[in-house]
Protein backbone atom coordinates (compact mmCIF):
# COMPACT_ATOMS: atom_id res chain seq x y z
CA MET A 1 6.22 10.83 7.14
CA LEU A 2 7.20 7.60 4.76
CA ARG A 3 6.14 9.29 1.65
CA TYR A 4 8.58 12.63 2.30
CA ALA A 5 11.60 9.77 2.84
CA THR A 6 10.15 8.40 -0.22
CA PRO A 7 13.21 10.06 -2.58
CA PHE A 8 16.31 9.39 0.09
CA LEU A 9 14.64 5.70 0.87
CA HIS A 10 15.29 4.99 -3.48
CA LEU A 11 18.44 6.57 -2.70
CA ILE A 12 19.08 4.89 -0.06
CA VAL A 13 17.95 1.37 -1.86
CA LEU A 14 20.26 1.97 -4.88
CA VAL A 15 23.47 2.99 -3.44
CA THR A 16 22.75 -0.37 -0.50
CA SER A 17 22.29 -2.03 -4.11
CA VAL A 18 24.59 -0.92 -5.85
CA ALA A 19 27.26 -1.99 -3.29
CA LEU A 20 25.43 -5.39 -2.45
CA LEU A 21 25.79 -6.17 -6.29
CA GLY A 22 27.81 -9.85 -6.43
CA GLN A 23 25.94 -10.77 -2.79
CA GLY A 24 22.63 -12.24 -4.36
CA TRP A 25 20.25 -11.83 -7.10
CA VAL A 26 17.98 -9.51 -5.44
CA TYR A 27 20.29 -6.59 -5.72
CA ALA A 28 21.02 -6.81 -8.69
CA ALA A 29 17.34 -7.24 -9.60
CA ALA A 30 16.88 -3.53 -7.84
CA VAL A 31 19.99 -2.19 -9.48
CA VAL A 32 17.71 -3.16 -12.49
CA ALA A 33 14.38 -2.24 -11.50
CA GLN A 34 15.50 1.05 -10.55
CA VAL A 35 17.44 1.91 -13.45
CA ALA A 36 14.60 0.35 -15.98
CA ILE A 37 12.07 2.60 -13.94
CA LEU A 38 14.89 5.53 -14.75
CA LEU A 39 15.18 5.17 -18.21
CA ALA A 40 11.60 4.64 -19.27
CA ALA A 41 10.68 7.80 -17.41
CA LEU A 42 13.27 9.12 -20.10
CA ALA A 43 12.01 7.32 -22.61
CA ALA A 44 7.98 8.70 -22.30
CA GLY A 45 9.52 12.24 -23.01
CA VAL A 46 10.25 10.71 -26.85
CA VAL A 47 7.74 7.37 -27.23
CA PRO A 48 4.12 8.59 -24.94
CA ALA A 49 3.67 5.21 -24.42
CA ARG A 50 1.06 4.47 -20.82
CA PRO A 51 3.74 2.36 -19.12
CA LEU A 52 6.81 4.59 -19.97
CA LEU A 53 4.16 7.91 -18.91
CA VAL A 54 3.31 5.76 -15.46
CA ALA A 55 7.47 5.51 -14.68
CA ARG A 56 7.76 9.05 -15.80
CA TYR A 57 4.67 9.87 -13.23
CA TYR A 58 6.34 8.10 -10.55
CA VAL A 59 10.05 9.55 -11.26
CA LEU A 60 8.83 13.82 -11.16
CA THR A 61 6.60 12.66 -8.30
CA THR A 62 9.29 10.87 -6.30
CA ALA A 63 11.90 14.26 -7.25
CA SER A 64 9.53 17.77 -6.42
CA LEU A 65 9.25 15.39 -3.47
CA ALA A 66 12.74 15.44 -2.96
CA ALA A 67 12.75 19.46 -4.24
CA GLY A 68 9.86 20.60 -1.93
CA LEU A 69 11.26 19.13 1.43
CA TRP A 70 14.42 21.01 -0.07
CA ASP A 71 12.70 24.13 -0.58
CA TRP A 72 11.12 24.02 2.64
CA LEU A 73 14.36 22.56 4.91
CA ARG A 74 16.48 25.86 3.64
CA ARG A 75 13.23 28.85 3.93
CA GLY A 76 10.87 26.79 6.09
CA THR A 77 8.02 28.02 6.18
CA PRO A 78 5.98 31.50 5.15
CA ALA A 79 5.66 33.64 8.91
CA VAL A 80 2.33 35.46 7.20
CA TRP A 81 0.35 35.21 4.19
CA GLU A 82 0.32 37.27 1.01
CA PRO A 83 -2.53 38.07 -1.81
CA ALA A 84 -1.82 37.64 -4.53
CA GLU A 85 -1.08 40.69 -6.58
CA GLY A 86 -4.10 42.32 -8.08
CA THR A 87 -7.21 40.79 -5.37
CA ARG A 88 -8.79 42.42 -2.89
């Protein structure tokens, strides 16, 4: 369950760190780290360096978890299995 909650936990950490920015260096470090990872993921499309690609992989994996959970909440699990077209 923790794996599926990862996208939301990241959002909670970001929002609370931004809200507590003046309270200590830990909150500033959390905001800087999250923004740096997001910027590295964006830069990976332009500069294919390995550390940037790792950041991109992490961000895309986390985002796909959120998208999959959102899709499941909207549509649910299909009741039946439908074979692909062209199969017997």
